[in-house]
Amino acid sequence: MAAPMNEDIEELLHRESIQLATIQKRSVAFFIDEVLLSVILMIVLWDSFTQATTTTEIIALTNAFVFEYMAMKIVYQTFFIYQYGATLGKLAMKIYVMDVKTLTTPVITVALNRAIFRIISEMLFYLGFLWGILTPERQTWHDKTARTLVVSGE
């Protein structure tokens, strides 16, 4: 038996006629963003990647830039969520991040909080994402800490 939805969020969604984004749309948006950022990293490190001759060298190169990659993800997530209420993947899927208190695009501090906790969730084997799949509000850990919801724009 699924846990009941938080009454405040349920009432908010009903009152404002807001639909939560589906797990499927969020998953596709996640995939789009991850591929995009991986391609950007590969372009930036192209010279180094082409000089690597073994899989071990490629893995070592990737590991050497893990902090830069995490920083790039935090900047990407923060900028797009603050500026547009959605990353490029979310925009493609027509889903948006909404501040629960204001029902608007998150302010910069909320977007940064969300981006940082998203990275933490990724580092902890994506458990925060699993949390979002298993709860009625579909709030990941980064949504919980930032007090945001991902909603359908259609």
N, C-alpha and C. Protein backbone atom coordinates (compact mmCIF):
# COMPACT_ATOMS: atom_id res chain seq x y z
N MET A 1 0.84 -1.19 0.00
CA MET A 1 0.00 0.00 0.00
C MET A 1 0.89 1.25 0.00
N ALA A 2 0.65 2.14 -0.91
CA ALA A 2 1.44 3.37 -1.04
C ALA A 2 1.10 4.33 0.10
N ALA A 3 2.10 5.09 0.50
CA ALA A 3 1.90 6.10 1.55
C ALA A 3 1.01 7.21 1.00
N PRO A 4 0.21 7.82 1.87
CA PRO A 4 -0.63 8.93 1.38
C PRO A 4 0.22 10.16 1.06
N MET A 5 -0.28 10.97 0.15
CA MET A 5 0.41 12.19 -0.23
C MET A 5 0.31 13.21 0.90
N ASN A 6 1.34 14.01 1.05
CA ASN A 6 1.34 15.11 2.00
C ASN A 6 0.10 15.96 1.72
N GLU A 7 -0.71 16.19 2.75
CA GLU A 7 -1.99 16.89 2.57
C GLU A 7 -1.83 18.31 2.04
N ASP A 8 -0.79 19.02 2.50
CA ASP A 8 -0.57 20.39 2.03
C ASP A 8 -0.26 20.40 0.54
N ILE A 9 0.59 19.48 0.11
CA ILE A 9 0.95 19.42 -1.31
C ILE A 9 -0.24 18.95 -2.13
N GLU A 10 -0.95 17.98 -1.64
CA GLU A 10 -2.14 17.48 -2.35
C GLU A 10 -3.17 18.60 -2.53
N GLU A 11 -3.39 19.38 -1.48
CA GLU A 11 -4.34 20.48 -1.55
C GLU A 11 -3.86 21.57 -2.52
N LEU A 12 -2.57 21.86 -2.48
CA LEU A 12 -1.97 22.85 -3.39
C LEU A 12 -2.16 22.42 -4.84
N LEU A 13 -1.83 21.18 -5.14
CA LEU A 13 -1.96 20.69 -6.51
C LEU A 13 -3.41 20.76 -6.99
N HIS A 14 -4.33 20.38 -6.12
CA HIS A 14 -5.75 20.40 -6.48
C HIS A 14 -6.23 21.84 -6.66
N ARG A 15 -5.91 22.70 -5.70
CA ARG A 15 -6.37 24.10 -5.74
C ARG A 15 -5.86 24.83 -6.99
N GLU A 16 -4.61 24.58 -7.36
CA GLU A 16 -3.99 25.29 -8.48
C GLU A 16 -4.10 24.52 -9.81
N SER A 17 -4.75 23.37 -9.79
CA SER A 17 -4.88 22.51 -10.98
C SER A 17 -3.52 22.20 -11.60
N ILE A 18 -2.61 21.78 -10.74
CA ILE A 18 -1.24 21.45 -11.16
C ILE A 18 -1.09 19.94 -11.18
N GLN A 19 -0.45 19.44 -12.22
CA GLN A 19 -0.16 18.01 -12.33
C GLN A 19 1.33 17.79 -12.10
N LEU A 20 1.66 16.81 -11.29
CA LEU A 20 3.06 16.46 -11.12
C LEU A 20 3.59 15.86 -12.41
N ALA A 21 4.87 16.09 -12.68
CA ALA A 21 5.51 15.46 -13.84
C ALA A 21 5.60 13.95 -13.58
N THR A 22 5.43 13.18 -14.62
CA THR A 22 5.52 11.73 -14.46
C THR A 22 6.97 11.30 -14.25
N ILE A 23 7.12 10.16 -13.64
CA ILE A 23 8.46 9.59 -13.45
C ILE A 23 9.11 9.35 -14.81
N GLN A 24 8.34 8.93 -15.80
CA GLN A 24 8.88 8.67 -17.13
C GLN A 24 9.45 9.95 -17.74
N LYS A 25 8.72 11.04 -17.67
CA LYS A 25 9.21 12.30 -18.24
C LYS A 25 10.44 12.80 -17.49
N ARG A 26 10.43 12.65 -16.17
CA ARG A 26 11.59 13.06 -15.39
C ARG A 26 12.81 12.22 -15.75
N SER A 27 12.59 10.93 -15.99
CA SER A 27 13.69 10.03 -16.34
C SER A 27 14.28 10.40 -17.70
N VAL A 28 13.44 10.68 -18.68
CA VAL A 28 13.92 11.06 -20.00
C VAL A 28 14.66 12.40 -19.91
N ALA A 29 14.13 13.34 -19.15
CA ALA A 29 14.80 14.63 -18.98
C ALA A 29 16.17 14.43 -18.33
N PHE A 30 16.25 13.57 -17.34
CA PHE A 30 17.52 13.25 -16.68
C PHE A 30 18.51 12.70 -17.70
N PHE A 31 18.06 11.77 -18.52
CA PHE A 31 18.91 11.15 -19.54
C PHE A 31 19.43 12.20 -20.52
N ILE A 32 18.55 13.07 -20.99
CA ILE A 32 18.95 14.12 -21.94
C ILE A 32 20.03 15.00 -21.31
N ASP A 33 19.80 15.43 -20.07
CA ASP A 33 20.77 16.30 -19.40
C ASP A 33 22.11 15.60 -19.20
N GLU A 34 22.08 14.34 -18.80
CA GLU A 34 23.33 13.60 -18.56
C GLU A 34 24.12 13.41 -19.85
N VAL A 35 23.43 13.07 -20.93
CA VAL A 35 24.11 12.90 -22.22
C VAL A 35 24.71 14.24 -22.67
N LEU A 36 23.93 15.30 -22.57
CA LEU A 36 24.40 16.63 -22.97
C LEU A 36 25.65 17.03 -22.20
N LEU A 37 25.61 16.88 -20.88
CA LEU A 37 26.77 17.26 -20.07
C LEU A 37 27.97 16.36 -20.33
N SER A 38 27.75 15.09 -20.57
CA SER A 38 28.85 14.17 -20.89
C SER A 38 29.50 14.54 -22.21
N VAL A 39 28.69 14.90 -23.20
CA VAL A 39 29.23 15.31 -24.50
C VAL A 39 30.04 16.60 -24.34
N ILE A 40 29.54 17.53 -23.56
CA ILE A 40 30.29 18.78 -23.33
C ILE A 40 31.63 18.48 -22.68
N LEU A 41 31.64 17.60 -21.68
CA LEU A 41 32.89 17.23 -21.03
C LEU A 41 33.85 16.59 -22.02
N MET A 42 33.34 15.72 -22.87
CA MET A 42 34.19 15.07 -23.87
C MET A 42 34.76 16.09 -24.86
N ILE A 43 33.97 17.07 -25.25
CA ILE A 43 34.47 18.11 -26.16
C ILE A 43 35.58 18.92 -25.49
N VAL A 44 35.34 19.31 -24.23
CA VAL A 44 36.34 20.10 -23.50
C VAL A 44 37.64 19.31 -23.34
N LEU A 45 37.53 18.03 -23.11
CA LEU A 45 38.72 17.18 -22.87
C LEU A 45 39.13 16.39 -24.11
N TRP A 46 38.65 16.80 -25.27
CA TRP A 46 38.89 16.02 -26.50
C TRP A 46 40.36 15.70 -26.74
N ASP A 47 41.21 16.70 -26.62
CA ASP A 47 42.65 16.47 -26.85
C ASP A 47 43.19 15.40 -25.91
N SER A 48 42.81 15.47 -24.66
CA SER A 48 43.27 14.48 -23.69
C SER A 48 42.70 13.10 -23.99
N PHE A 49 41.42 13.05 -24.36
CA PHE A 49 40.80 11.75 -24.68
C PHE A 49 41.45 11.10 -25.90
N THR A 50 41.79 11.90 -26.90
CA THR A 50 42.39 11.32 -28.11
C THR A 50 43.81 10.82 -27.86
N GLN A 51 44.48 11.35 -26.84
CA GLN A 51 45.82 10.88 -26.51
C GLN A 51 45.80 9.62 -25.65
N ALA A 52 44.67 9.34 -25.01
CA ALA A 52 44.56 8.13 -24.19
C ALA A 52 44.49 6.92 -25.13
N THR A 53 45.29 5.92 -24.84
CA THR A 53 45.35 4.76 -25.74
C THR A 53 44.68 3.52 -25.16
N THR A 54 44.39 3.52 -23.87
CA THR A 54 43.75 2.35 -23.27
C THR A 54 42.50 2.77 -22.50
N THR A 55 41.67 1.82 -22.22
CA THR A 55 40.48 2.08 -21.42
C THR A 55 40.87 2.58 -20.03
N THR A 56 41.93 2.02 -19.49
CA THR A 56 42.41 2.44 -18.17
C THR A 56 42.80 3.91 -18.17
N GLU A 57 43.45 4.36 -19.24
CA GLU A 57 43.83 5.77 -19.34
C GLU A 57 42.60 6.67 -19.45
N ILE A 58 41.60 6.22 -20.18
CA ILE A 58 40.36 7.00 -20.32
C ILE A 58 39.65 7.10 -18.97
N ILE A 59 39.59 5.99 -18.24
CA ILE A 59 38.97 6.00 -16.91
C ILE A 59 39.74 6.92 -15.97
N ALA A 60 41.07 6.84 -16.00
CA ALA A 60 41.90 7.70 -15.15
C ALA A 60 41.68 9.17 -15.50
N LEU A 61 41.57 9.49 -16.79
CA LEU A 61 41.32 10.86 -17.23
C LEU A 61 39.97 11.34 -16.72
N THR A 62 38.96 10.51 -16.87
CA THR A 62 37.62 10.86 -16.40
C THR A 62 37.63 11.09 -14.89
N ASN A 63 38.30 10.20 -14.16
CA ASN A 63 38.37 10.35 -12.70
C ASN A 63 39.12 11.61 -12.29
N ALA A 64 40.10 12.01 -13.08
CA ALA A 64 40.89 13.21 -12.77
C ALA A 64 40.04 14.48 -12.83
N PHE A 65 38.95 14.44 -13.59
CA PHE A 65 38.11 15.63 -13.75
C PHE A 65 36.74 15.49 -13.09
N VAL A 66 36.62 14.59 -12.13
CA VAL A 66 35.32 14.35 -11.51
C VAL A 66 34.81 15.59 -10.76
N PHE A 67 35.69 16.31 -10.08
CA PHE A 67 35.24 17.51 -9.35
C PHE A 67 34.82 18.62 -10.31
N GLU A 68 35.56 18.77 -11.40
CA GLU A 68 35.19 19.76 -12.41
C GLU A 68 33.84 19.40 -13.04
N TYR A 69 33.63 18.11 -13.26
CA TYR A 69 32.36 17.64 -13.84
C TYR A 69 31.21 17.91 -12.87
N MET A 70 31.43 17.64 -11.58
CA MET A 70 30.39 17.91 -10.59
C MET A 70 30.10 19.41 -10.53
N ALA A 71 31.14 20.23 -10.59
CA ALA A 71 30.94 21.68 -10.57
C ALA A 71 30.16 22.13 -11.81
N MET A 72 30.49 21.54 -12.96
CA MET A 72 29.78 21.86 -14.20
C MET A 72 28.29 21.50 -14.06
N LYS A 73 28.00 20.36 -13.45
CA LYS A 73 26.61 19.95 -13.27
C LYS A 73 25.87 20.89 -12.32
N ILE A 74 26.56 21.34 -11.26
CA ILE A 74 25.93 22.26 -10.31
C ILE A 74 25.63 23.59 -11.00
N VAL A 75 26.57 24.11 -11.77
CA VAL A 75 26.36 25.37 -12.49
C VAL A 75 25.22 25.22 -13.49
N TYR A 76 25.24 24.13 -14.26
CA TYR A 76 24.20 23.87 -15.25
C TYR A 76 22.82 23.82 -14.60
N GLN A 77 22.69 22.99 -13.57
CA GLN A 77 21.40 22.84 -12.90
C GLN A 77 20.93 24.15 -12.28
N THR A 78 21.84 24.83 -11.59
CA THR A 78 21.47 26.08 -10.92
C THR A 78 21.04 27.13 -11.94
N PHE A 79 21.84 27.33 -12.98
CA PHE A 79 21.52 28.36 -13.97
C PHE A 79 20.18 28.10 -14.64
N PHE A 80 19.99 26.90 -15.16
CA PHE A 80 18.77 26.64 -15.92
C PHE A 80 17.52 26.60 -15.04
N ILE A 81 17.62 26.06 -13.83
CA ILE A 81 16.46 26.03 -12.94
C ILE A 81 16.11 27.46 -12.51
N TYR A 82 17.12 28.26 -12.20
CA TYR A 82 16.87 29.65 -11.81
C TYR A 82 16.34 30.47 -12.98
N GLN A 83 16.97 30.34 -14.13
CA GLN A 83 16.63 31.18 -15.28
C GLN A 83 15.32 30.76 -15.96
N TYR A 84 15.11 29.46 -16.12
CA TYR A 84 13.98 28.97 -16.91
C TYR A 84 13.02 28.07 -16.14
N GLY A 85 13.40 27.69 -14.93
CA GLY A 85 12.57 26.76 -14.17
C GLY A 85 12.71 25.34 -14.66
N ALA A 86 13.68 25.11 -15.55
CA ALA A 86 13.87 23.78 -16.12
C ALA A 86 15.23 23.70 -16.80
N THR A 87 15.80 22.51 -16.78
CA THR A 87 17.02 22.26 -17.56
C THR A 87 16.61 22.03 -19.01
N LEU A 88 17.58 21.87 -19.88
CA LEU A 88 17.25 21.61 -21.29
C LEU A 88 16.47 20.31 -21.44
N GLY A 89 16.83 19.30 -20.66
CA GLY A 89 16.08 18.04 -20.70
C GLY A 89 14.65 18.22 -20.24
N LYS A 90 14.45 18.98 -19.18
CA LYS A 90 13.09 19.24 -18.68
C LYS A 90 12.30 20.08 -19.70
N LEU A 91 12.96 21.06 -20.29
CA LEU A 91 12.26 21.87 -21.31
C LEU A 91 11.81 20.99 -22.47
N ALA A 92 12.66 20.06 -22.89
CA ALA A 92 12.30 19.15 -23.98
C ALA A 92 11.10 18.28 -23.60
N MET A 93 10.99 17.94 -22.33
CA MET A 93 9.89 17.09 -21.87
C MET A 93 8.69 17.90 -21.37
N LYS A 94 8.80 19.22 -21.42
CA LYS A 94 7.73 20.13 -20.99
C LYS A 94 7.37 19.90 -19.52
N ILE A 95 8.41 19.81 -18.69
CA ILE A 95 8.21 19.74 -17.25
C ILE A 95 9.06 20.84 -16.61
N TYR A 96 8.63 21.31 -15.44
CA TYR A 96 9.24 22.47 -14.82
C TYR A 96 9.38 22.29 -13.32
N VAL A 97 10.36 22.99 -12.75
CA VAL A 97 10.57 22.99 -11.31
C VAL A 97 9.85 24.21 -10.75
N MET A 98 9.08 23.97 -9.69
CA MET A 98 8.27 25.02 -9.10
C MET A 98 8.55 25.09 -7.60
N ASP A 99 8.75 26.28 -7.08
CA ASP A 99 8.89 26.48 -5.65
C ASP A 99 7.52 26.25 -5.00
N VAL A 100 7.46 25.40 -3.99
CA VAL A 100 6.18 25.05 -3.36
C VAL A 100 5.55 26.26 -2.68
N LYS A 101 6.35 27.14 -2.10
CA LYS A 101 5.81 28.30 -1.37
C LYS A 101 5.25 29.36 -2.29
N THR A 102 5.98 29.66 -3.38
CA THR A 102 5.61 30.79 -4.23
C THR A 102 4.91 30.38 -5.52
N LEU A 103 4.98 29.10 -5.86
CA LEU A 103 4.43 28.56 -7.11
C LEU A 103 5.09 29.19 -8.33
N THR A 104 6.34 29.63 -8.16
CA THR A 104 7.08 30.26 -9.25
C THR A 104 8.41 29.52 -9.45
N THR A 105 9.16 29.99 -10.43
CA THR A 105 10.50 29.47 -10.67
C THR A 105 11.35 29.72 -9.43
N PRO A 106 12.14 28.75 -9.01
CA PRO A 106 12.95 28.94 -7.80
C PRO A 106 13.94 30.09 -7.93
N VAL A 107 14.17 30.77 -6.80
CA VAL A 107 15.19 31.82 -6.75
C VAL A 107 16.56 31.15 -6.78
N ILE A 108 17.62 31.95 -6.94
CA ILE A 108 18.96 31.41 -7.13
C ILE A 108 19.42 30.53 -5.97
N THR A 109 19.13 30.92 -4.74
CA THR A 109 19.57 30.12 -3.59
C THR A 109 18.86 28.77 -3.55
N VAL A 110 17.61 28.74 -3.91
CA VAL A 110 16.85 27.49 -3.95
C VAL A 110 17.38 26.61 -5.08
N ALA A 111 17.64 27.21 -6.23
CA ALA A 111 18.18 26.45 -7.37
C ALA A 111 19.55 25.87 -7.04
N LEU A 112 20.39 26.65 -6.35
CA LEU A 112 21.71 26.16 -5.95
C LEU A 112 21.60 25.04 -4.92
N ASN A 113 20.74 25.21 -3.94
CA ASN A 113 20.50 24.16 -2.95
C ASN A 113 20.09 22.86 -3.65
N ARG A 114 19.16 22.98 -4.57
CA ARG A 114 18.65 21.82 -5.30
C ARG A 114 19.77 21.14 -6.10
N ALA A 115 20.61 21.94 -6.74
CA ALA A 115 21.71 21.40 -7.55
C ALA A 115 22.74 20.68 -6.68
N ILE A 116 23.07 21.25 -5.55
CA ILE A 116 24.06 20.64 -4.66
C ILE A 116 23.53 19.32 -4.09
N PHE A 117 22.30 19.32 -3.62
CA PHE A 117 21.75 18.09 -3.06
C PHE A 117 21.50 17.04 -4.13
N ARG A 118 21.33 17.47 -5.36
CA ARG A 118 21.20 16.52 -6.47
C ARG A 118 22.52 15.76 -6.64
N ILE A 119 23.64 16.47 -6.57
CA ILE A 119 24.96 15.84 -6.67
C ILE A 119 25.17 14.88 -5.50
N ILE A 120 24.79 15.31 -4.30
CA ILE A 120 24.92 14.44 -3.13
C ILE A 120 24.12 13.17 -3.32
N SER A 121 22.92 13.29 -3.84
CA SER A 121 22.08 12.13 -4.10
C SER A 121 22.73 11.20 -5.12
N GLU A 122 23.33 11.77 -6.15
CA GLU A 122 24.02 10.95 -7.15
C GLU A 122 25.19 10.20 -6.52
N MET A 123 25.93 10.87 -5.63
CA MET A 123 27.07 10.25 -4.98
C MET A 123 26.66 9.13 -4.04
N LEU A 124 25.43 9.20 -3.54
CA LEU A 124 24.92 8.16 -2.65
C LEU A 124 24.06 7.16 -3.43
N PHE A 125 24.59 6.74 -4.56
CA PHE A 125 23.98 5.69 -5.39
C PHE A 125 22.57 6.03 -5.86
N TYR A 126 22.31 7.32 -6.07
CA TYR A 126 21.02 7.79 -6.59
C TYR A 126 19.85 7.47 -5.66
N LEU A 127 20.13 7.30 -4.37
CA LEU A 127 19.06 6.97 -3.42
C LEU A 127 18.01 8.07 -3.33
N GLY A 128 18.43 9.32 -3.47
CA GLY A 128 17.47 10.42 -3.44
C GLY A 128 16.52 10.40 -4.62
N PHE A 129 16.99 9.89 -5.74
CA PHE A 129 16.13 9.75 -6.91
C PHE A 129 15.12 8.62 -6.68
N LEU A 130 15.61 7.53 -6.09
CA LEU A 130 14.73 6.41 -5.76
C LEU A 130 13.64 6.86 -4.80
N TRP A 131 14.01 7.70 -3.85
CA TRP A 131 13.05 8.27 -2.90
C TRP A 131 11.91 8.96 -3.67
N GLY A 132 12.27 9.71 -4.69
CA GLY A 132 11.26 10.42 -5.48
C GLY A 132 10.32 9.48 -6.23
N ILE A 133 10.84 8.34 -6.62
CA ILE A 133 10.01 7.35 -7.31
C ILE A 133 9.02 6.70 -6.35
N LEU A 134 9.43 6.55 -5.10
CA LEU A 134 8.65 5.80 -4.13
C LEU A 134 7.68 6.64 -3.30
N THR A 135 7.70 7.96 -3.48
CA THR A 135 6.78 8.80 -2.70
C THR A 135 5.71 9.41 -3.59
N PRO A 136 4.51 9.59 -3.06
CA PRO A 136 3.40 10.12 -3.88
C PRO A 136 3.66 11.52 -4.45
N GLU A 137 4.43 12.36 -3.73
CA GLU A 137 4.71 13.71 -4.19
C GLU A 137 5.79 13.73 -5.27
N ARG A 138 6.45 12.57 -5.48
CA ARG A 138 7.55 12.42 -6.45
C ARG A 138 8.68 13.40 -6.16
N GLN A 139 8.86 13.73 -4.89
CA GLN A 139 9.94 14.64 -4.50
C GLN A 139 11.20 13.85 -4.20
N THR A 140 12.25 14.15 -4.95
CA THR A 140 13.57 13.58 -4.68
C THR A 140 14.13 14.29 -3.45
N TRP A 141 15.29 13.83 -2.98
CA TRP A 141 15.91 14.52 -1.85
C TRP A 141 16.19 15.97 -2.19
N HIS A 142 16.64 16.23 -3.43
CA HIS A 142 16.95 17.62 -3.79
C HIS A 142 15.68 18.46 -3.90
N ASP A 143 14.56 17.84 -4.24
CA ASP A 143 13.28 18.57 -4.21
C ASP A 143 12.86 18.85 -2.77
N LYS A 144 13.05 17.87 -1.90
CA LYS A 144 12.68 18.03 -0.49
C LYS A 144 13.47 19.17 0.16
N THR A 145 14.80 19.16 -0.03
CA THR A 145 15.63 20.18 0.63
C THR A 145 15.36 21.57 0.06
N ALA A 146 15.04 21.65 -1.21
CA ALA A 146 14.79 22.94 -1.85
C ALA A 146 13.32 23.35 -1.77
N ARG A 147 12.49 22.45 -1.31
CA ARG A 147 11.03 22.68 -1.25
C ARG A 147 10.48 23.02 -2.63
N THR A 148 10.77 22.09 -3.56
CA THR A 148 10.29 22.25 -4.93
C THR A 148 9.50 21.02 -5.36
N LEU A 149 8.75 21.20 -6.43
CA LEU A 149 8.04 20.11 -7.10
C LEU A 149 8.38 20.20 -8.58
N VAL A 150 8.38 19.06 -9.25
CA VAL A 150 8.55 19.05 -10.70
C VAL A 150 7.16 18.78 -11.27
N VAL A 151 6.69 19.72 -12.08
CA VAL A 151 5.31 19.69 -12.55
C VAL A 151 5.25 19.66 -14.07
N SER A 152 4.12 19.21 -14.55
CA SER A 152 3.88 19.15 -15.98
C SER A 152 3.52 20.53 -16.49
N GLY A 153 4.09 20.88 -17.65
CA GLY A 153 3.78 22.15 -18.26
C GLY A 153 2.69 22.04 -19.31
N GLU A 154 2.15 20.85 -19.47
CA GLU A 154 1.11 20.64 -20.48
C GLU A 154 -0.27 20.63 -19.86
